[in-house]
Amino acid sequence: MKRVFTGILGLVLLASCNSEPKGYTISGTISGEPDNGLKVFLKTTDSLNQLIDIDTTTIENGLFAFAGNQAEPKLHYIFIEQTRGNVPLVVENGDIEISFPKDSISFAKISGTAQNDMFMNFLTESRKLSDRALSMQNDMRMAAQQMDTATVTALREEFIEFQEEAKNFNVDYVKNNPNALISVLIIGNMMSSKALPLDEVKTLFDGLTPEMKATEPGKKLEEQLENMKSTDIGAIAPDFSAPTPDGNVLALSDVTGKSKLTLVDFWAAWCRPCRAENPNIVSVYNKYKDKGFNVLGVSLDTQAELWKNAIESDGLAWNHISNLQRFNDPVARLYNIDAIPAAFLLDENGVIVAKNLRGPALEEKVAELLN
């Protein structure tokens, strides 16, 4: 009987050593005697990149805790009532520990899981770069106030070199940490900010581990990379269809087949730069519509009434479509739209001949192609 019991105990211990954590715990410690009863919020972002509440607890004797289950690592944020700033952390199954002084929430120390260890390493090194950047900017400001042009010029040149160093830091971090969630987020930021050529971004993405490619931001990044190739200048614009203001369905091919040039204009009623650009598009449309210029407006609104009112108010006398899903709109995702206004100029064959032309540049290109 003793052997049987010992064997069973061994199997139990082996299973406990090899099993994955079934959920997460977040244990927070705040020094500096924070007030009891203050609310602590655990938040993350939804598909529209808007903060949403995940859980709420309170501080008791400088401690707080959360518990739950997370299918895959995801960036979250901890906010504390009456406190400025937040704590970014990667929520993944396992035991996560957070500690910070009550007056320095933004400099929390996070440990306990692999993703948070890598995240903290990135934050520590990137904060050193931020401190250097702030110091250099202060030095430039003081030199400018003292009319020391030689020093200002030297510091600007040094700052340009520093920016390259900072970019290289991000690239090297991704290469050295292909299994880090923060690496996926860094690649996404470099792609949206156009800090690197598309082929270099693709190389970095290809170097990620399968687990990171399979995360929600990893799959989104892969989709964006694929869409960027299909919406580059010289490519045939991907066809799409969506509801019009009157409830019918209109396809891009329905419009391009009838025009020599078509501007696919991504905009929204709530977007001030878009509304400011609308009079220019109206002017170009009125001037060149009889020569074969057309516009298809793709709205990223969420409220049909506001969308329709903006069309009428701005005098946008061309075709319009919208799924009323903001940046989660299938057409916006197909064209890799993460900011508006954005526009694609297509020829009669649907080939993209220019992108994001605004102001006088739009009329110059239309005139060049139609006159």
Protein backbone atom coordinates (compact mmCIF):
# COMPACT_ATOMS: atom_id res chain seq x y z
CA MET A 1 0.00 0.00 0.00
CA LYS A 2 2.86 2.37 0.79
CA ARG A 3 4.35 1.89 -2.71
CA VAL A 4 0.97 2.54 -4.33
CA PHE A 5 0.51 5.73 -2.31
CA THR A 6 4.05 6.91 -3.12
CA GLY A 7 3.44 6.26 -6.81
CA ILE A 8 0.18 8.19 -6.80
CA LEU A 9 1.82 11.09 -4.95
CA GLY A 10 4.60 11.14 -7.54
CA LEU A 11 2.07 11.33 -10.39
CA VAL A 12 0.23 14.16 -8.66
CA LEU A 13 3.44 16.12 -8.15
CA LEU A 14 4.49 15.52 -11.76
CA ALA A 15 1.11 16.67 -13.05
CA SER A 16 1.22 19.80 -10.89
CA CYS A 17 4.70 20.66 -12.17
CA ASN A 18 3.75 20.21 -15.83
CA SER A 19 0.30 21.81 -15.79
CA GLU A 20 -0.31 25.27 -17.15
CA PRO A 21 -1.82 27.88 -14.80
CA LYS A 22 -5.61 27.77 -14.99
CA GLY A 23 -6.09 31.50 -14.48
CA TYR A 24 -4.40 34.70 -13.41
CA THR A 25 -4.03 36.55 -10.15
CA ILE A 26 -2.86 40.16 -9.95
CA SER A 27 -1.56 41.13 -6.52
CA GLY A 28 -0.94 44.84 -6.03
CA THR A 29 1.02 46.55 -3.28
CA ILE A 30 0.94 50.34 -2.89
CA SER A 31 3.38 52.06 -0.51
CA GLY A 32 2.84 55.48 1.02
CA GLU A 33 -0.38 54.76 2.94
CA PRO A 34 -3.02 55.11 0.22
CA ASP A 35 -6.60 55.67 1.38
CA ASN A 36 -8.64 52.56 2.06
CA GLY A 37 -11.67 52.08 -0.15
CA LEU A 38 -10.27 53.77 -3.26
CA LYS A 39 -11.45 51.94 -6.36
CA VAL A 40 -8.98 50.14 -8.63
CA PHE A 41 -10.01 49.45 -12.23
CA LEU A 42 -8.64 46.80 -14.58
CA LYS A 43 -9.23 47.86 -18.20
CA THR A 44 -8.27 46.81 -21.70
CA THR A 45 -9.15 47.96 -25.22
CA ASP A 46 -11.86 46.71 -27.57
CA SER A 47 -11.76 46.26 -31.34
CA LEU A 48 -12.12 50.04 -31.78
CA ASN A 49 -9.17 50.66 -29.43
CA GLN A 50 -11.51 52.14 -26.81
CA LEU A 51 -10.91 51.43 -23.11
CA ILE A 52 -13.39 49.00 -21.55
CA ASP A 53 -13.77 47.87 -17.93
CA ILE A 54 -12.78 44.28 -17.10
CA ASP A 55 -12.89 44.27 -13.30
CA THR A 56 -13.07 46.58 -10.27
CA THR A 57 -11.81 46.20 -6.72
CA THR A 58 -10.78 48.45 -3.79
CA ILE A 59 -7.60 49.21 -1.87
CA GLU A 60 -7.41 47.81 1.64
CA ASN A 61 -4.31 48.46 3.76
CA GLY A 62 -2.28 49.24 0.65
CA LEU A 63 -3.26 46.03 -1.12
CA PHE A 64 -5.57 45.12 -4.00
CA ALA A 65 -6.11 42.02 -6.10
CA PHE A 66 -7.77 40.76 -9.27
CA ALA A 67 -8.36 37.22 -10.46
CA GLY A 68 -9.69 35.74 -13.67
CA ASN A 69 -8.83 33.73 -16.75
CA GLN A 70 -7.12 35.03 -19.90
CA ALA A 71 -7.16 32.93 -23.07
CA GLU A 72 -4.07 34.64 -24.49
CA PRO A 73 -1.68 37.40 -23.31
CA LYS A 74 -3.19 40.85 -23.77
CA LEU A 75 -2.18 44.37 -22.78
CA HIS A 76 -4.29 45.77 -19.92
CA TYR A 77 -4.19 48.89 -17.76
CA ILE A 78 -4.75 49.50 -14.07
CA PHE A 79 -6.30 52.81 -13.03
CA ILE A 80 -6.80 54.04 -9.48
CA GLU A 81 -9.52 56.42 -8.41
CA GLN A 82 -8.32 60.02 -7.84
CA THR A 83 -4.87 59.14 -9.23
CA ARG A 84 -3.30 60.37 -12.44
CA GLY A 85 -1.70 57.89 -14.82
CA ASN A 86 -2.05 54.14 -15.10
CA VAL A 87 -0.10 50.90 -14.98
CA PRO A 88 0.22 49.03 -18.28
CA LEU A 89 0.71 45.29 -17.87
CA VAL A 90 0.30 42.08 -19.81
CA VAL A 91 -2.50 39.98 -18.36
CA GLU A 92 -1.80 36.29 -18.87
CA ASN A 93 -2.52 33.24 -16.79
CA GLY A 94 -0.15 33.03 -13.83
CA ASP A 95 0.63 35.03 -10.70
CA ILE A 96 1.40 38.67 -11.46
CA GLU A 97 2.77 41.04 -8.82
CA ILE A 98 2.66 44.84 -9.02
CA SER A 99 4.14 47.38 -6.63
CA PHE A 100 4.43 51.17 -6.71
CA PRO A 101 4.34 54.25 -4.45
CA LYS A 102 0.92 55.90 -4.35
CA ASP A 103 2.31 59.07 -5.98
CA SER A 104 4.24 57.28 -8.77
CA ILE A 105 1.78 54.88 -10.38
CA SER A 106 3.39 55.23 -13.80
CA PHE A 107 6.64 53.69 -12.52
CA ALA A 108 5.20 50.46 -11.18
CA LYS A 109 7.31 47.31 -11.00
CA ILE A 110 5.65 44.25 -12.53
CA SER A 111 6.86 40.66 -12.21
CA GLY A 112 5.75 37.06 -11.98
CA THR A 113 5.10 35.99 -15.57
CA ALA A 114 7.29 35.72 -18.66
CA GLN A 115 5.45 38.33 -20.71
CA ASN A 116 5.58 40.89 -17.90
CA ASP A 117 9.27 40.26 -17.30
CA MET A 118 9.94 41.03 -20.97
CA PHE A 119 7.58 44.01 -20.86
CA MET A 120 9.35 45.48 -17.81
CA ASN A 121 12.72 45.06 -19.51
CA PHE A 122 11.42 46.99 -22.51
CA LEU A 123 9.88 49.74 -20.35
CA THR A 124 13.06 50.15 -18.29
CA GLU A 125 15.28 50.61 -21.35
CA SER A 126 12.79 52.77 -23.26
CA ARG A 127 12.39 55.08 -20.24
CA LYS A 128 16.15 55.63 -20.27
CA LEU A 129 15.82 56.74 -23.89
CA SER A 130 12.88 58.99 -22.99
CA ASP A 131 14.91 60.62 -20.22
CA ARG A 132 17.75 61.29 -22.67
CA ALA A 133 15.33 62.78 -25.20
CA LEU A 134 13.82 65.07 -22.56
CA SER A 135 17.25 66.20 -21.43
CA MET A 136 18.32 66.98 -25.00
CA GLN A 137 15.12 68.91 -25.67
CA ASN A 138 15.63 70.95 -22.50
CA ASP A 139 19.20 71.72 -23.55
CA MET A 140 17.99 72.87 -26.99
CA ARG A 141 15.34 75.07 -25.41
CA MET A 142 17.87 76.73 -23.12
CA ALA A 143 20.33 77.23 -25.99
CA ALA A 144 17.57 78.78 -28.11
CA GLN A 145 16.63 81.17 -25.30
CA GLN A 146 20.27 82.24 -25.06
CA MET A 147 20.46 82.74 -28.86
CA ASP A 148 23.29 80.19 -28.99
CA THR A 149 22.68 79.06 -32.59
CA ALA A 150 25.86 76.95 -32.78
CA THR A 151 24.79 74.86 -29.79
CA VAL A 152 21.23 74.55 -31.10
CA THR A 153 22.53 73.26 -34.44
CA ALA A 154 24.85 70.78 -32.75
CA LEU A 155 22.09 69.53 -30.45
CA ARG A 156 19.68 69.11 -33.36
CA GLU A 157 22.20 66.97 -35.20
CA GLU A 158 22.76 64.96 -32.02
CA PHE A 159 18.99 64.55 -31.63
CA ILE A 160 18.65 63.21 -35.18
CA GLU A 161 21.30 60.58 -34.36
CA PHE A 162 19.45 59.81 -31.14
CA GLN A 163 16.18 59.22 -33.03
CA GLU A 164 17.96 56.67 -35.20
CA GLU A 165 19.33 55.00 -32.07
CA ALA A 166 15.83 54.86 -30.58
CA LYS A 167 14.45 53.27 -33.76
CA ASN A 168 17.28 50.72 -33.73
CA PHE A 169 16.49 49.94 -30.09
CA ASN A 170 12.94 48.97 -31.02
CA VAL A 171 14.07 46.89 -33.99
CA ASP A 172 16.73 45.10 -31.93
CA TYR A 173 14.25 44.44 -29.12
CA VAL A 174 11.84 42.75 -31.53
CA LYS A 175 14.62 40.66 -33.06
CA ASN A 176 15.88 39.58 -29.64
CA ASN A 177 12.41 38.94 -28.18
CA PRO A 178 10.33 37.22 -30.87
CA ASN A 179 8.21 35.58 -28.16
CA ALA A 180 7.15 38.86 -26.51
CA LEU A 181 3.70 40.38 -26.91
CA ILE A 182 5.26 43.85 -26.73
CA SER A 183 7.26 42.94 -29.86
CA VAL A 184 4.00 42.49 -31.78
CA LEU A 185 2.79 45.89 -30.55
CA ILE A 186 6.11 47.55 -31.47
CA ILE A 187 5.89 46.19 -35.03
CA GLY A 188 2.33 47.48 -35.33
CA ASN A 189 3.37 50.93 -34.15
CA MET A 190 6.33 51.06 -36.54
CA MET A 191 4.08 50.07 -39.42
CA SER A 192 1.35 52.65 -38.67
CA SER A 193 3.91 55.42 -38.10
CA LYS A 194 5.84 54.36 -41.24
CA ALA A 195 9.05 54.29 -39.19
CA LEU A 196 10.28 51.40 -41.33
CA PRO A 197 9.77 50.34 -44.96
CA LEU A 198 7.05 47.74 -45.41
CA ASP A 199 9.48 44.98 -46.37
CA GLU A 200 11.46 45.50 -43.14
CA VAL A 201 8.26 45.42 -41.10
CA LYS A 202 7.32 42.17 -42.83
CA THR A 203 10.73 40.68 -42.01
CA LEU A 204 10.29 41.53 -38.33
CA PHE A 205 6.81 40.02 -38.32
CA ASP A 206 8.07 36.83 -40.00
CA GLY A 207 10.61 36.48 -37.18
CA LEU A 208 7.94 36.31 -34.45
CA THR A 209 7.10 32.99 -32.83
CA PRO A 210 3.94 31.18 -33.98
CA GLU A 211 2.39 31.88 -30.56
CA MET A 212 2.78 35.65 -30.99
CA LYS A 213 1.51 35.57 -34.57
CA ALA A 214 -1.58 33.76 -33.27
CA THR A 215 -2.45 36.47 -30.72
CA GLU A 216 -5.20 38.96 -31.47
CA PRO A 217 -2.77 41.81 -32.33
CA GLY A 218 -0.59 39.33 -34.25
CA LYS A 219 -3.47 38.23 -36.48
CA LYS A 220 -4.53 41.85 -36.99
CA LEU A 221 -0.97 42.80 -37.95
CA GLU A 222 -0.78 39.93 -40.45
CA GLU A 223 -4.06 41.09 -42.01
CA GLN A 224 -2.77 44.67 -42.23
CA LEU A 225 0.47 43.57 -43.89
CA GLU A 226 -1.47 41.61 -46.49
CA ASN A 227 -3.86 44.50 -47.12
CA MET A 228 -1.03 47.01 -47.48
CA LYS A 229 0.40 45.06 -50.40
CA SER A 230 -2.99 45.04 -52.14
CA THR A 231 -3.57 48.77 -51.61
CA ASP A 232 -0.17 50.09 -52.69
CA ILE A 233 0.23 52.39 -55.68
CA GLY A 234 0.13 50.30 -58.86
CA ALA A 235 -2.09 47.59 -57.38
CA ILE A 236 -5.66 46.98 -58.47
CA ALA A 237 -7.85 48.33 -55.69
CA PRO A 238 -9.71 45.53 -53.83
CA ASP A 239 -13.40 45.55 -54.69
CA PHE A 240 -15.99 45.92 -51.94
CA SER A 241 -19.64 46.63 -51.40
CA ALA A 242 -21.56 48.27 -48.57
CA PRO A 243 -24.90 49.94 -47.77
CA THR A 244 -25.74 53.37 -49.17
CA PRO A 245 -27.64 55.99 -47.14
CA ASP A 246 -30.95 54.79 -48.62
CA GLY A 247 -30.28 51.16 -47.70
CA ASN A 248 -29.22 49.81 -51.08
CA VAL A 249 -25.86 48.12 -51.67
CA LEU A 250 -23.20 49.70 -53.86
CA ALA A 251 -19.92 48.14 -55.02
CA LEU A 252 -16.70 49.93 -55.90
CA SER A 253 -16.77 48.25 -59.33
CA ASP A 254 -20.17 49.86 -59.97
CA VAL A 255 -18.48 53.27 -59.72
CA THR A 256 -15.04 52.79 -61.28
CA GLY A 257 -16.48 51.25 -64.44
CA LYS A 258 -18.26 54.50 -65.25
CA SER A 259 -15.43 56.98 -64.55
CA LYS A 260 -11.92 57.77 -65.76
CA LEU A 261 -10.81 58.64 -62.22
CA THR A 262 -12.42 57.69 -58.91
CA LEU A 263 -11.45 59.04 -55.50
CA VAL A 264 -12.25 56.56 -52.71
CA ASP A 265 -12.50 58.93 -49.76
CA PHE A 266 -12.50 57.57 -46.18
CA TRP A 267 -14.04 60.13 -43.83
CA ALA A 268 -16.60 60.59 -41.03
CA ALA A 269 -18.96 63.26 -39.74
CA TRP A 270 -17.06 63.34 -36.43
CA CYS A 271 -13.65 63.82 -38.12
CA ARG A 272 -12.77 67.54 -38.13
CA PRO A 273 -9.86 67.27 -40.62
CA CYS A 274 -12.19 65.35 -42.94
CA ARG A 275 -14.86 68.03 -42.75
CA ALA A 276 -12.22 70.69 -43.34
CA GLU A 277 -11.05 68.86 -46.49
CA ASN A 278 -14.57 68.32 -47.86
CA PRO A 279 -14.86 71.78 -49.50
CA ASN A 280 -11.68 71.06 -51.48
CA ILE A 281 -13.03 67.72 -52.70
CA VAL A 282 -16.33 69.40 -53.62
CA SER A 283 -14.43 72.02 -55.63
CA VAL A 284 -12.40 69.41 -57.54
CA TYR A 285 -15.49 67.29 -58.12
CA ASN A 286 -17.51 70.18 -59.52
CA LYS A 287 -14.63 71.23 -61.77
CA TYR A 288 -13.79 67.80 -63.21
CA LYS A 289 -16.92 65.63 -62.92
CA ASP A 290 -17.82 66.27 -66.57
CA LYS A 291 -14.33 65.13 -67.59
CA GLY A 292 -14.68 61.76 -65.87
CA PHE A 293 -13.82 62.43 -62.20
CA ASN A 294 -15.97 60.75 -59.55
CA VAL A 295 -15.90 60.26 -55.79
CA LEU A 296 -17.03 57.40 -53.57
CA GLY A 297 -17.30 58.36 -49.92
CA VAL A 298 -16.67 55.62 -47.36
CA SER A 299 -17.86 56.83 -43.97
CA LEU A 300 -16.53 55.50 -40.66
CA ASP A 301 -19.47 56.88 -38.73
CA THR A 302 -21.52 54.85 -36.28
CA GLN A 303 -24.75 56.86 -36.40
CA ALA A 304 -26.65 56.97 -39.68
CA GLU A 305 -28.36 60.27 -38.92
CA LEU A 306 -25.10 62.11 -38.28
CA TRP A 307 -23.62 60.59 -41.45
CA LYS A 308 -26.56 61.66 -43.61
CA ASN A 309 -26.67 65.14 -42.08
CA ALA A 310 -22.95 65.66 -42.81
CA ILE A 311 -23.42 64.60 -46.44
CA GLU A 312 -26.18 67.17 -46.89
CA SER A 313 -24.48 69.90 -44.84
CA ASP A 314 -21.18 69.63 -46.74
CA GLY A 315 -22.83 69.29 -50.16
CA LEU A 316 -21.22 65.94 -50.99
CA ALA A 317 -23.10 65.18 -54.20
CA TRP A 318 -21.56 61.78 -54.95
CA ASN A 319 -22.06 58.16 -53.96
CA HIS A 320 -21.67 57.17 -50.32
CA ILE A 321 -21.46 53.90 -48.40
CA SER A 322 -20.95 52.89 -44.78
CA ASN A 323 -21.27 49.89 -42.49
CA LEU A 324 -21.46 52.29 -39.53
CA GLN A 325 -18.69 50.45 -37.67
CA ARG A 326 -16.02 53.14 -37.31
CA PHE A 327 -12.50 51.65 -37.81
CA ASN A 328 -13.89 48.14 -37.52
CA ASP A 329 -15.66 48.69 -40.85
CA PRO A 330 -14.78 45.79 -43.21
CA VAL A 331 -13.93 48.25 -46.00
CA ALA A 332 -11.64 50.24 -43.69
CA ARG A 333 -9.91 47.05 -42.59
CA LEU A 334 -9.57 45.89 -46.20
CA TYR A 335 -7.78 49.16 -47.01
CA ASN A 336 -5.77 49.18 -43.78
CA ILE A 337 -7.30 52.45 -42.57
CA ASP A 338 -6.24 53.40 -39.04
CA ALA A 339 -6.60 57.19 -39.41
CA ILE A 340 -8.76 59.52 -41.46
CA PRO A 341 -8.97 61.38 -43.75
CA ALA A 342 -7.50 58.83 -46.13
CA ALA A 343 -8.03 58.55 -49.87
CA PHE A 344 -7.12 56.42 -52.90
CA LEU A 345 -7.22 57.73 -56.46
CA LEU A 346 -8.09 55.01 -59.01
CA ASP A 347 -7.94 55.01 -62.79
CA GLU A 348 -10.69 53.59 -65.03
CA ASN A 349 -9.25 50.10 -64.60
CA GLY A 350 -9.34 50.32 -60.81
CA VAL A 351 -5.56 50.69 -60.50
CA ILE A 352 -4.39 52.85 -57.58
CA VAL A 353 -2.49 55.81 -59.08
CA ALA A 354 -2.12 58.00 -55.96
CA LYS A 355 -2.88 58.00 -52.24
CA ASN A 356 -3.83 60.56 -49.61
CA LEU A 357 -3.82 63.64 -51.85
CA ARG A 358 -5.25 66.67 -50.09
CA GLY A 359 -5.53 70.38 -50.72
CA PRO A 360 -3.98 71.62 -54.00
CA ALA A 361 -2.21 68.27 -54.53
CA LEU A 362 -5.54 66.56 -55.31
CA GLU A 363 -6.51 68.99 -58.06
CA GLU A 364 -2.98 68.98 -59.51
CA LYS A 365 -3.05 65.19 -59.90
CA VAL A 366 -6.59 65.09 -61.27
CA ALA A 367 -5.76 67.85 -63.77
CA GLU A 368 -2.59 66.02 -64.82
CA LEU A 369 -4.50 62.81 -65.53
CA LEU A 370 -7.62 64.27 -67.15
CA ASN A 371 -6.41 67.32 -69.10
